[in-house]
Amino acid sequence: MYQIRDTDAGLSLSLARDPHPRNPRIADDNLFQIVTWTEGLGDSHDWPSRSKFEATITPDMALILPLLKTRTSKGAVLVRSWSDEDTIAGYAFATHERLRLAFGADALSDGKRDETMEQAEYRCLGELQAYDDFVQGEVFRLEIVDGRGRSLEKRRDLYGEEYARHVAQTVFDQHLNSVSVRD
């Protein structure tokens, strides 16, 4: 647990692991679908095998990014594969229609295609990171209370410890500034 106290302002913040985090693959509006054949990883799907997936979802209809399964001390996570020699554990894919909806009607025109694909890949990496943080149990919640013990703000589902600490410090500073302005 991470705590900040400012006795002069009468504010305290606590940041702790969220005991009941939401799965970002279910709760968020993800651009990419994550397909693996490893139980417990990825989104639910109906493709019984990699070959059935590859026959159904093709590069002319979707941006397809290969994924690796990597072991950590807390279990397996999925990461983007950058080599043709990697053993692929699954795919993250977004149909061209989803890309057009997310990035604009002309997202795949000749002038915008490369930029769109780069933005989409960056977004996929963010979705994978949030999912990995969830799988690893690295999801946090924060609460700010005043000197009387009243809750001023609560936030949940902060994925990744570094991000959670950053958000916690920013939110605490905002409350601290609002107390200073009122004085």
N, C-alpha and C. Protein backbone atom coordinates (compact mmCIF):
# COMPACT_ATOMS: atom_id res chain seq x y z
N MET A 1 0.83 -1.17 0.00
CA MET A 1 0.00 0.00 0.00
C MET A 1 0.89 1.24 0.00
N TYR A 2 0.41 2.26 -0.68
CA TYR A 2 1.11 3.53 -0.81
C TYR A 2 0.22 4.59 -0.19
N GLN A 3 0.80 5.44 0.68
CA GLN A 3 0.01 6.47 1.34
C GLN A 3 0.72 7.81 1.28
N ILE A 4 -0.10 8.86 1.21
CA ILE A 4 0.39 10.23 1.30
C ILE A 4 -0.49 10.93 2.31
N ARG A 5 0.13 11.69 3.21
CA ARG A 5 -0.63 12.48 4.19
C ARG A 5 -0.09 13.90 4.20
N ASP A 6 -1.00 14.84 4.23
CA ASP A 6 -0.65 16.24 4.43
C ASP A 6 -1.46 16.71 5.63
N THR A 7 -0.82 16.76 6.79
CA THR A 7 -1.54 17.08 8.02
C THR A 7 -2.01 18.53 8.03
N ASP A 8 -1.27 19.44 7.39
CA ASP A 8 -1.69 20.84 7.34
C ASP A 8 -3.00 20.99 6.57
N ALA A 9 -3.13 20.28 5.46
CA ALA A 9 -4.34 20.36 4.64
C ALA A 9 -5.42 19.40 5.13
N GLY A 10 -5.03 18.46 5.98
CA GLY A 10 -5.99 17.48 6.48
C GLY A 10 -6.42 16.48 5.42
N LEU A 11 -5.51 16.14 4.50
CA LEU A 11 -5.83 15.20 3.43
C LEU A 11 -4.92 13.97 3.52
N SER A 12 -5.49 12.84 3.20
CA SER A 12 -4.66 11.64 3.08
C SER A 12 -5.13 10.84 1.87
N LEU A 13 -4.20 10.17 1.28
CA LEU A 13 -4.45 9.33 0.11
C LEU A 13 -3.96 7.94 0.41
N SER A 14 -4.72 6.95 0.02
CA SER A 14 -4.25 5.58 0.09
C SER A 14 -4.40 4.95 -1.29
N LEU A 15 -3.39 4.23 -1.68
CA LEU A 15 -3.36 3.52 -2.96
C LEU A 15 -3.06 2.06 -2.63
N ALA A 16 -3.93 1.17 -3.06
CA ALA A 16 -3.76 -0.26 -2.75
C ALA A 16 -4.19 -1.09 -3.96
N ARG A 17 -3.75 -2.34 -3.95
CA ARG A 17 -4.21 -3.26 -5.00
C ARG A 17 -5.73 -3.39 -4.91
N ASP A 18 -6.34 -3.41 -6.07
CA ASP A 18 -7.79 -3.55 -6.13
C ASP A 18 -8.12 -5.04 -5.97
N PRO A 19 -8.86 -5.41 -4.92
CA PRO A 19 -9.14 -6.83 -4.70
C PRO A 19 -10.13 -7.41 -5.71
N HIS A 20 -10.89 -6.56 -6.39
CA HIS A 20 -11.88 -7.03 -7.36
C HIS A 20 -11.82 -6.19 -8.63
N PRO A 21 -10.68 -6.24 -9.34
CA PRO A 21 -10.56 -5.41 -10.54
C PRO A 21 -11.44 -5.95 -11.67
N ARG A 22 -11.79 -5.05 -12.56
CA ARG A 22 -12.56 -5.48 -13.72
C ARG A 22 -11.60 -5.89 -14.82
N ASN A 23 -11.99 -6.87 -15.58
CA ASN A 23 -11.18 -7.35 -16.70
C ASN A 23 -11.32 -6.35 -17.84
N PRO A 24 -10.22 -5.70 -18.25
CA PRO A 24 -10.33 -4.70 -19.31
C PRO A 24 -10.74 -5.29 -20.66
N ARG A 25 -10.59 -6.58 -20.82
CA ARG A 25 -11.00 -7.21 -22.07
C ARG A 25 -12.52 -7.33 -22.15
N ILE A 26 -13.18 -7.32 -21.01
CA ILE A 26 -14.64 -7.43 -20.97
C ILE A 26 -15.27 -6.06 -20.78
N ALA A 27 -14.68 -5.24 -19.92
CA ALA A 27 -15.32 -3.99 -19.51
C ALA A 27 -15.03 -2.81 -20.44
N ASP A 28 -13.93 -2.82 -21.15
CA ASP A 28 -13.56 -1.69 -21.99
C ASP A 28 -13.99 -1.92 -23.44
N ASP A 29 -14.10 -0.83 -24.17
CA ASP A 29 -14.39 -0.91 -25.59
C ASP A 29 -13.05 -1.02 -26.32
N ASN A 30 -12.56 -2.24 -26.45
CA ASN A 30 -11.26 -2.47 -27.06
C ASN A 30 -11.35 -2.43 -28.58
N LEU A 31 -10.34 -1.87 -29.19
CA LEU A 31 -10.26 -1.84 -30.64
C LEU A 31 -9.88 -3.22 -31.17
N PHE A 32 -9.00 -3.90 -30.46
CA PHE A 32 -8.49 -5.18 -30.89
C PHE A 32 -9.15 -6.34 -30.16
N GLN A 33 -9.30 -7.44 -30.86
CA GLN A 33 -9.69 -8.69 -30.23
C GLN A 33 -8.42 -9.52 -30.07
N ILE A 34 -8.27 -10.15 -28.92
CA ILE A 34 -7.10 -10.98 -28.65
C ILE A 34 -7.52 -12.44 -28.72
N VAL A 35 -6.91 -13.16 -29.65
CA VAL A 35 -7.25 -14.56 -29.88
C VAL A 35 -6.04 -15.42 -29.56
N THR A 36 -6.20 -16.32 -28.60
CA THR A 36 -5.15 -17.30 -28.29
C THR A 36 -5.82 -18.66 -28.11
N TRP A 37 -5.01 -19.66 -28.06
CA TRP A 37 -5.52 -21.01 -27.79
C TRP A 37 -4.92 -21.51 -26.47
N THR A 38 -4.59 -20.57 -25.60
CA THR A 38 -4.10 -20.85 -24.26
C THR A 38 -5.23 -20.53 -23.29
N GLU A 39 -5.66 -21.51 -22.55
CA GLU A 39 -6.77 -21.29 -21.62
C GLU A 39 -6.42 -20.20 -20.62
N GLY A 40 -7.36 -19.29 -20.42
CA GLY A 40 -7.16 -18.21 -19.47
C GLY A 40 -6.52 -16.97 -20.03
N LEU A 41 -6.12 -16.99 -21.29
CA LEU A 41 -5.51 -15.80 -21.91
C LEU A 41 -6.30 -15.41 -23.16
N GLY A 42 -6.56 -14.13 -23.30
CA GLY A 42 -7.23 -13.63 -24.49
C GLY A 42 -8.74 -13.58 -24.32
N ASP A 43 -9.39 -13.20 -25.41
CA ASP A 43 -10.85 -13.07 -25.45
C ASP A 43 -11.47 -14.39 -25.86
N SER A 44 -12.73 -14.58 -25.50
CA SER A 44 -13.41 -15.79 -25.95
C SER A 44 -13.64 -15.68 -27.46
N HIS A 45 -13.56 -16.81 -28.13
CA HIS A 45 -13.73 -16.84 -29.59
C HIS A 45 -14.14 -18.25 -30.01
N ASP A 46 -14.52 -18.36 -31.28
CA ASP A 46 -15.01 -19.63 -31.81
C ASP A 46 -14.05 -20.32 -32.77
N TRP A 47 -12.83 -19.84 -32.90
CA TRP A 47 -11.87 -20.47 -33.80
C TRP A 47 -11.21 -21.65 -33.07
N PRO A 48 -11.43 -22.87 -33.54
CA PRO A 48 -10.88 -24.03 -32.85
C PRO A 48 -9.37 -24.19 -33.01
N SER A 49 -8.79 -23.53 -34.02
CA SER A 49 -7.35 -23.68 -34.25
C SER A 49 -6.81 -22.43 -34.94
N ARG A 50 -5.51 -22.32 -34.92
CA ARG A 50 -4.82 -21.21 -35.58
C ARG A 50 -5.11 -21.23 -37.08
N SER A 51 -5.10 -22.40 -37.70
CA SER A 51 -5.34 -22.48 -39.14
C SER A 51 -6.76 -22.02 -39.50
N LYS A 52 -7.74 -22.31 -38.66
CA LYS A 52 -9.12 -21.84 -38.91
C LYS A 52 -9.18 -20.32 -38.79
N PHE A 53 -8.48 -19.78 -37.80
CA PHE A 53 -8.44 -18.33 -37.66
C PHE A 53 -7.80 -17.70 -38.89
N GLU A 54 -6.62 -18.22 -39.29
CA GLU A 54 -5.89 -17.65 -40.43
C GLU A 54 -6.67 -17.77 -41.74
N ALA A 55 -7.53 -18.78 -41.85
CA ALA A 55 -8.36 -18.93 -43.05
C ALA A 55 -9.54 -17.95 -43.04
N THR A 56 -9.95 -17.53 -41.84
CA THR A 56 -11.11 -16.66 -41.71
C THR A 56 -10.75 -15.18 -41.68
N ILE A 57 -9.74 -14.82 -40.91
CA ILE A 57 -9.32 -13.41 -40.76
C ILE A 57 -8.02 -13.23 -41.53
N THR A 58 -8.09 -12.45 -42.58
CA THR A 58 -6.94 -12.28 -43.47
C THR A 58 -6.46 -10.83 -43.45
N PRO A 59 -5.21 -10.59 -43.86
CA PRO A 59 -4.67 -9.22 -43.85
C PRO A 59 -5.43 -8.24 -44.74
N ASP A 60 -6.15 -8.72 -45.73
CA ASP A 60 -6.91 -7.79 -46.57
C ASP A 60 -8.19 -7.30 -45.89
N MET A 61 -8.56 -7.90 -44.75
CA MET A 61 -9.75 -7.47 -44.03
C MET A 61 -9.46 -6.94 -42.62
N ALA A 62 -8.22 -7.10 -42.14
CA ALA A 62 -7.92 -6.70 -40.76
C ALA A 62 -6.42 -6.44 -40.58
N LEU A 63 -6.12 -5.63 -39.58
CA LEU A 63 -4.74 -5.49 -39.11
C LEU A 63 -4.54 -6.61 -38.10
N ILE A 64 -3.58 -7.48 -38.37
CA ILE A 64 -3.34 -8.66 -37.54
C ILE A 64 -1.92 -8.56 -36.97
N LEU A 65 -1.82 -8.61 -35.65
CA LEU A 65 -0.53 -8.53 -34.99
C LEU A 65 -0.27 -9.84 -34.24
N PRO A 66 0.82 -10.54 -34.57
CA PRO A 66 1.12 -11.79 -33.86
C PRO A 66 1.55 -11.53 -32.42
N LEU A 67 1.19 -12.48 -31.55
CA LEU A 67 1.48 -12.36 -30.12
C LEU A 67 2.29 -13.54 -29.62
N LEU A 68 3.15 -13.28 -28.68
CA LEU A 68 3.93 -14.31 -27.97
C LEU A 68 3.35 -14.49 -26.58
N LYS A 69 3.53 -15.65 -26.04
CA LYS A 69 3.22 -15.88 -24.62
C LYS A 69 4.55 -15.91 -23.90
N THR A 70 4.67 -15.06 -22.89
CA THR A 70 5.90 -14.97 -22.10
C THR A 70 5.57 -15.29 -20.66
N ARG A 71 6.45 -16.01 -20.00
CA ARG A 71 6.25 -16.35 -18.59
C ARG A 71 6.88 -15.29 -17.72
N THR A 72 6.17 -14.95 -16.65
CA THR A 72 6.71 -14.06 -15.62
C THR A 72 6.58 -14.80 -14.30
N SER A 73 7.05 -14.18 -13.24
CA SER A 73 6.96 -14.82 -11.93
C SER A 73 5.50 -15.00 -11.49
N LYS A 74 4.58 -14.21 -12.07
CA LYS A 74 3.18 -14.30 -11.69
C LYS A 74 2.33 -15.03 -12.73
N GLY A 75 2.95 -15.59 -13.74
CA GLY A 75 2.18 -16.32 -14.75
C GLY A 75 2.49 -15.84 -16.15
N ALA A 76 1.67 -16.28 -17.10
CA ALA A 76 1.90 -15.96 -18.50
C ALA A 76 1.27 -14.62 -18.87
N VAL A 77 1.94 -13.90 -19.77
CA VAL A 77 1.40 -12.67 -20.34
C VAL A 77 1.59 -12.72 -21.85
N LEU A 78 0.87 -11.86 -22.55
CA LEU A 78 0.97 -11.78 -24.00
C LEU A 78 1.71 -10.50 -24.39
N VAL A 79 2.63 -10.63 -25.34
CA VAL A 79 3.36 -9.47 -25.85
C VAL A 79 3.39 -9.54 -27.38
N ARG A 80 3.62 -8.42 -27.99
CA ARG A 80 3.68 -8.32 -29.45
C ARG A 80 4.92 -9.04 -29.94
N SER A 81 4.76 -9.86 -30.95
CA SER A 81 5.89 -10.55 -31.58
C SER A 81 6.48 -9.64 -32.65
N TRP A 82 7.80 -9.55 -32.67
CA TRP A 82 8.48 -8.70 -33.65
C TRP A 82 9.35 -9.52 -34.61
N SER A 83 9.36 -10.83 -34.46
CA SER A 83 10.25 -11.67 -35.27
C SER A 83 9.46 -12.81 -35.93
N ASP A 84 9.82 -13.12 -37.15
CA ASP A 84 9.20 -14.25 -37.84
C ASP A 84 9.61 -15.59 -37.24
N GLU A 85 10.65 -15.58 -36.42
CA GLU A 85 11.14 -16.81 -35.82
C GLU A 85 10.48 -17.14 -34.49
N ASP A 86 9.66 -16.23 -33.97
CA ASP A 86 8.98 -16.45 -32.69
C ASP A 86 7.89 -17.50 -32.84
N THR A 87 7.64 -18.23 -31.76
CA THR A 87 6.52 -19.16 -31.72
C THR A 87 5.28 -18.36 -31.34
N ILE A 88 4.37 -18.25 -32.27
CA ILE A 88 3.19 -17.41 -32.10
C ILE A 88 2.18 -18.12 -31.20
N ALA A 89 1.70 -17.39 -30.18
CA ALA A 89 0.70 -17.94 -29.25
C ALA A 89 -0.71 -17.48 -29.61
N GLY A 90 -0.81 -16.48 -30.44
CA GLY A 90 -2.11 -15.96 -30.82
C GLY A 90 -1.97 -14.68 -31.59
N TYR A 91 -3.09 -13.96 -31.71
CA TYR A 91 -3.11 -12.75 -32.51
C TYR A 91 -3.97 -11.69 -31.84
N ALA A 92 -3.61 -10.44 -32.09
CA ALA A 92 -4.49 -9.31 -31.80
C ALA A 92 -4.90 -8.80 -33.18
N PHE A 93 -6.19 -8.60 -33.37
CA PHE A 93 -6.60 -8.10 -34.68
C PHE A 93 -7.74 -7.10 -34.56
N ALA A 94 -7.77 -6.18 -35.52
CA ALA A 94 -8.84 -5.20 -35.64
C ALA A 94 -9.24 -5.16 -37.11
N THR A 95 -10.52 -5.32 -37.37
CA THR A 95 -10.98 -5.27 -38.75
C THR A 95 -10.78 -3.86 -39.30
N HIS A 96 -10.69 -3.78 -40.61
CA HIS A 96 -10.54 -2.47 -41.24
C HIS A 96 -11.75 -1.58 -40.93
N GLU A 97 -12.92 -2.17 -40.81
CA GLU A 97 -14.11 -1.40 -40.45
C GLU A 97 -13.96 -0.79 -39.05
N ARG A 98 -13.45 -1.57 -38.09
CA ARG A 98 -13.23 -1.03 -36.73
C ARG A 98 -12.18 0.09 -36.77
N LEU A 99 -11.15 -0.07 -37.59
CA LEU A 99 -10.13 0.97 -37.72
C LEU A 99 -10.74 2.25 -38.29
N ARG A 100 -11.60 2.11 -39.30
CA ARG A 100 -12.27 3.29 -39.88
C ARG A 100 -13.14 3.99 -38.84
N LEU A 101 -13.86 3.21 -38.04
CA LEU A 101 -14.71 3.80 -37.01
C LEU A 101 -13.87 4.51 -35.94
N ALA A 102 -12.75 3.91 -35.58
CA ALA A 102 -11.91 4.47 -34.51
C ALA A 102 -11.11 5.68 -34.96
N PHE A 103 -10.64 5.66 -36.21
CA PHE A 103 -9.71 6.70 -36.66
C PHE A 103 -10.26 7.61 -37.76
N GLY A 104 -11.51 7.40 -38.18
CA GLY A 104 -12.11 8.26 -39.20
C GLY A 104 -12.32 7.51 -40.50
N ALA A 105 -13.26 8.03 -41.27
CA ALA A 105 -13.68 7.36 -42.51
C ALA A 105 -12.54 7.16 -43.50
N ASP A 106 -11.59 8.09 -43.54
CA ASP A 106 -10.50 7.97 -44.52
C ASP A 106 -9.24 7.33 -43.91
N ALA A 107 -9.40 6.64 -42.79
CA ALA A 107 -8.26 6.08 -42.05
C ALA A 107 -7.38 5.17 -42.88
N LEU A 108 -7.95 4.50 -43.85
CA LEU A 108 -7.16 3.56 -44.64
C LEU A 108 -6.91 4.05 -46.06
N SER A 109 -7.14 5.34 -46.30
CA SER A 109 -6.80 5.89 -47.61
C SER A 109 -5.29 5.88 -47.76
N ASP A 110 -4.82 6.03 -48.99
CA ASP A 110 -3.38 5.97 -49.23
C ASP A 110 -2.59 6.95 -48.38
N GLY A 111 -3.12 8.15 -48.20
CA GLY A 111 -2.40 9.16 -47.43
C GLY A 111 -2.40 8.93 -45.93
N LYS A 112 -3.38 8.20 -45.40
CA LYS A 112 -3.52 8.01 -43.96
C LYS A 112 -3.19 6.61 -43.47
N ARG A 113 -3.05 5.66 -44.36
CA ARG A 113 -2.91 4.25 -43.99
C ARG A 113 -1.75 4.00 -43.02
N ASP A 114 -0.55 4.47 -43.35
CA ASP A 114 0.62 4.21 -42.50
C ASP A 114 0.45 4.83 -41.12
N GLU A 115 -0.05 6.07 -41.08
CA GLU A 115 -0.28 6.74 -39.80
C GLU A 115 -1.33 6.00 -38.98
N THR A 116 -2.40 5.56 -39.61
CA THR A 116 -3.45 4.82 -38.92
C THR A 116 -2.92 3.52 -38.36
N MET A 117 -2.15 2.79 -39.14
CA MET A 117 -1.61 1.50 -38.68
C MET A 117 -0.67 1.69 -37.50
N GLU A 118 0.11 2.77 -37.54
CA GLU A 118 1.02 3.06 -36.43
C GLU A 118 0.22 3.40 -35.16
N GLN A 119 -0.80 4.24 -35.29
CA GLN A 119 -1.64 4.58 -34.15
C GLN A 119 -2.37 3.35 -33.61
N ALA A 120 -2.85 2.51 -34.52
CA ALA A 120 -3.57 1.30 -34.11
C ALA A 120 -2.64 0.35 -33.36
N GLU A 121 -1.43 0.18 -33.86
CA GLU A 121 -0.49 -0.70 -33.19
C GLU A 121 -0.15 -0.17 -31.79
N TYR A 122 0.01 1.12 -31.66
CA TYR A 122 0.28 1.73 -30.37
C TYR A 122 -0.89 1.47 -29.42
N ARG A 123 -2.10 1.61 -29.93
CA ARG A 123 -3.29 1.36 -29.11
C ARG A 123 -3.37 -0.11 -28.70
N CYS A 124 -3.01 -1.00 -29.61
CA CYS A 124 -2.99 -2.44 -29.29
C CYS A 124 -2.02 -2.71 -28.15
N LEU A 125 -0.84 -2.10 -28.20
CA LEU A 125 0.14 -2.30 -27.13
C LEU A 125 -0.41 -1.83 -25.78
N GLY A 126 -1.16 -0.74 -25.78
CA GLY A 126 -1.81 -0.27 -24.56
C GLY A 126 -2.85 -1.24 -24.05
N GLU A 127 -3.65 -1.80 -24.97
CA GLU A 127 -4.65 -2.78 -24.58
C GLU A 127 -3.99 -4.04 -24.01
N LEU A 128 -2.90 -4.46 -24.64
CA LEU A 128 -2.17 -5.63 -24.14
C LEU A 128 -1.59 -5.35 -22.75
N GLN A 129 -1.05 -4.15 -22.55
CA GLN A 129 -0.46 -3.81 -21.26
C GLN A 129 -1.51 -3.80 -20.16
N ALA A 130 -2.67 -3.21 -20.43
CA ALA A 130 -3.74 -3.20 -19.43
C ALA A 130 -4.18 -4.62 -19.10
N TYR A 131 -4.28 -5.46 -20.12
CA TYR A 131 -4.68 -6.85 -19.90
C TYR A 131 -3.61 -7.59 -19.09
N ASP A 132 -2.35 -7.38 -19.43
CA ASP A 132 -1.26 -8.02 -18.68
C ASP A 132 -1.26 -7.56 -17.23
N ASP A 133 -1.47 -6.26 -16.99
CA ASP A 133 -1.55 -5.77 -15.62
C ASP A 133 -2.68 -6.45 -14.86
N PHE A 134 -3.81 -6.65 -15.53
CA PHE A 134 -4.94 -7.35 -14.91
C PHE A 134 -4.57 -8.79 -14.58
N VAL A 135 -3.99 -9.50 -15.54
CA VAL A 135 -3.61 -10.91 -15.33
C VAL A 135 -2.58 -11.03 -14.21
N GLN A 136 -1.66 -10.06 -14.11
CA GLN A 136 -0.60 -10.08 -13.10
C GLN A 136 -1.07 -9.59 -11.73
N GLY A 137 -2.28 -9.07 -11.64
CA GLY A 137 -2.77 -8.53 -10.37
C GLY A 137 -2.24 -7.15 -10.06
N GLU A 138 -1.80 -6.43 -11.09
CA GLU A 138 -1.24 -5.09 -10.92
C GLU A 138 -2.31 -4.02 -11.22
N VAL A 139 -3.44 -4.13 -10.52
CA VAL A 139 -4.54 -3.18 -10.67
C VAL A 139 -4.78 -2.56 -9.30
N PHE A 140 -4.92 -1.23 -9.28
CA PHE A 140 -4.96 -0.50 -8.03
C PHE A 140 -6.22 0.35 -7.90
N ARG A 141 -6.49 0.75 -6.66
CA ARG A 141 -7.58 1.68 -6.37
C ARG A 141 -7.02 2.74 -5.43
N LEU A 142 -7.60 3.91 -5.48
CA LEU A 142 -7.16 4.98 -4.59
C LEU A 142 -8.35 5.62 -3.92
N GLU A 143 -8.08 6.21 -2.77
CA GLU A 143 -9.09 6.99 -2.07
C GLU A 143 -8.41 8.16 -1.38
N ILE A 144 -9.07 9.32 -1.48
CA ILE A 144 -8.61 10.52 -0.79
C ILE A 144 -9.66 10.86 0.25
N VAL A 145 -9.22 11.06 1.50
CA VAL A 145 -10.14 11.43 2.58
C VAL A 145 -9.66 12.73 3.22
N ASP A 146 -10.63 13.46 3.75
CA ASP A 146 -10.28 14.70 4.44
C ASP A 146 -10.01 14.41 5.90
N GLY A 147 -9.70 15.46 6.66
CA GLY A 147 -9.36 15.31 8.07
C GLY A 147 -10.48 14.75 8.92
N ARG A 148 -11.72 14.83 8.47
CA ARG A 148 -12.86 14.29 9.19
C ARG A 148 -13.17 12.86 8.80
N GLY A 149 -12.38 12.31 7.88
CA GLY A 149 -12.60 10.94 7.44
C GLY A 149 -13.60 10.79 6.31
N ARG A 150 -14.04 11.92 5.74
CA ARG A 150 -14.98 11.87 4.61
C ARG A 150 -14.21 11.58 3.33
N SER A 151 -14.77 10.68 2.55
CA SER A 151 -14.17 10.34 1.26
C SER A 151 -14.41 11.47 0.27
N LEU A 152 -13.33 12.00 -0.29
CA LEU A 152 -13.43 13.07 -1.27
C LEU A 152 -13.39 12.52 -2.70
N GLU A 153 -12.67 11.45 -2.89
CA GLU A 153 -12.57 10.86 -4.23
C GLU A 153 -12.10 9.43 -4.13
N LYS A 154 -12.70 8.61 -4.98
CA LYS A 154 -12.29 7.21 -5.12
C LYS A 154 -12.12 6.92 -6.60
N ARG A 155 -11.10 6.15 -6.92
CA ARG A 155 -10.89 5.68 -8.28
C ARG A 155 -10.46 4.22 -8.22
N ARG A 156 -10.97 3.47 -9.17
CA ARG A 156 -10.62 2.04 -9.23
C ARG A 156 -10.06 1.73 -10.61
N ASP A 157 -9.58 0.52 -10.72
CA ASP A 157 -9.11 -0.01 -12.00
C ASP A 157 -8.02 0.85 -12.63
N LEU A 158 -7.00 1.14 -11.84
CA LEU A 158 -5.80 1.82 -12.33
C LEU A 158 -4.79 0.71 -12.64
N TYR A 159 -4.51 0.51 -13.91
CA TYR A 159 -3.70 -0.63 -14.36
C TYR A 159 -2.22 -0.26 -14.39
N GLY A 160 -1.42 -1.01 -13.66
CA GLY A 160 0.02 -0.81 -13.60
C GLY A 160 0.40 0.09 -12.43
N GLU A 161 1.40 -0.35 -11.65
CA GLU A 161 1.77 0.40 -10.45
C GLU A 161 2.31 1.79 -10.76
N GLU A 162 3.14 1.90 -11.77
CA GLU A 162 3.71 3.21 -12.11
C GLU A 162 2.61 4.19 -12.50
N TYR A 163 1.70 3.75 -13.34
CA TYR A 163 0.58 4.60 -13.75
C TYR A 163 -0.30 4.95 -12.55
N ALA A 164 -0.59 3.96 -11.71
CA ALA A 164 -1.44 4.20 -10.54
C ALA A 164 -0.81 5.23 -9.61
N ARG A 165 0.49 5.13 -9.37
CA ARG A 165 1.17 6.12 -8.51
C ARG A 165 1.13 7.51 -9.13
N HIS A 166 1.30 7.58 -10.44
CA HIS A 166 1.23 8.87 -11.13
C HIS A 166 -0.16 9.50 -10.97
N VAL A 167 -1.20 8.71 -11.22
CA VAL A 167 -2.57 9.21 -11.08
C VAL A 167 -2.83 9.62 -9.63
N ALA A 168 -2.39 8.80 -8.69
CA ALA A 168 -2.60 9.10 -7.27
C ALA A 168 -1.96 10.43 -6.89
N GLN A 169 -0.73 10.64 -7.31
CA GLN A 169 -0.03 11.89 -6.98
C GLN A 169 -0.72 13.08 -7.63
N THR A 170 -1.13 12.92 -8.89
CA THR A 170 -1.81 14.02 -9.60
C THR A 170 -3.13 14.38 -8.93
N VAL A 171 -3.93 13.38 -8.59
CA VAL A 171 -5.23 13.61 -7.95
C VAL A 171 -5.03 14.23 -6.56
N PHE A 172 -4.06 13.73 -5.82
CA PHE A 172 -3.79 14.28 -4.49
C PHE A 172 -3.37 15.75 -4.61
N ASP A 173 -2.49 16.05 -5.55
CA ASP A 173 -2.05 17.43 -5.74
C ASP A 173 -3.22 18.34 -6.11
N GLN A 174 -4.15 17.85 -6.92
CA GLN A 174 -5.33 18.65 -7.29
C GLN A 174 -6.17 18.96 -6.05
N HIS A 175 -6.38 17.97 -5.21
CA HIS A 175 -7.15 18.20 -3.98
C HIS A 175 -6.38 19.13 -3.04
N LEU A 176 -5.09 18.95 -2.97
CA LEU A 176 -4.26 19.80 -2.13
C LEU A 176 -4.34 21.25 -2.60
N ASN A 177 -4.30 21.46 -3.91
CA ASN A 177 -4.40 22.82 -4.46
C ASN A 177 -5.78 23.41 -4.20
N SER A 178 -6.82 22.61 -4.26
CA SER A 178 -8.16 23.15 -4.01
C SER A 178 -8.32 23.54 -2.54
N VAL A 179 -7.67 22.82 -1.64
CA VAL A 179 -7.70 23.19 -0.22
C VAL A 179 -6.93 24.50 -0.02
N SER A 180 -5.79 24.64 -0.68
CA SER A 180 -4.96 25.85 -0.56
C SER A 180 -5.67 27.07 -1.11
N VAL A 181 -6.44 26.88 -2.20
CA VAL A 181 -7.15 28.01 -2.82
C VAL A 181 -8.26 28.50 -1.90
N ARG A 182 -8.92 27.59 -1.19
CA ARG A 182 -10.00 27.97 -0.28
C ARG A 182 -9.51 28.68 0.97
N ASP A 183 -8.28 28.44 1.38
CA ASP A 183 -7.75 29.05 2.61
C ASP A 183 -7.57 30.54 2.50
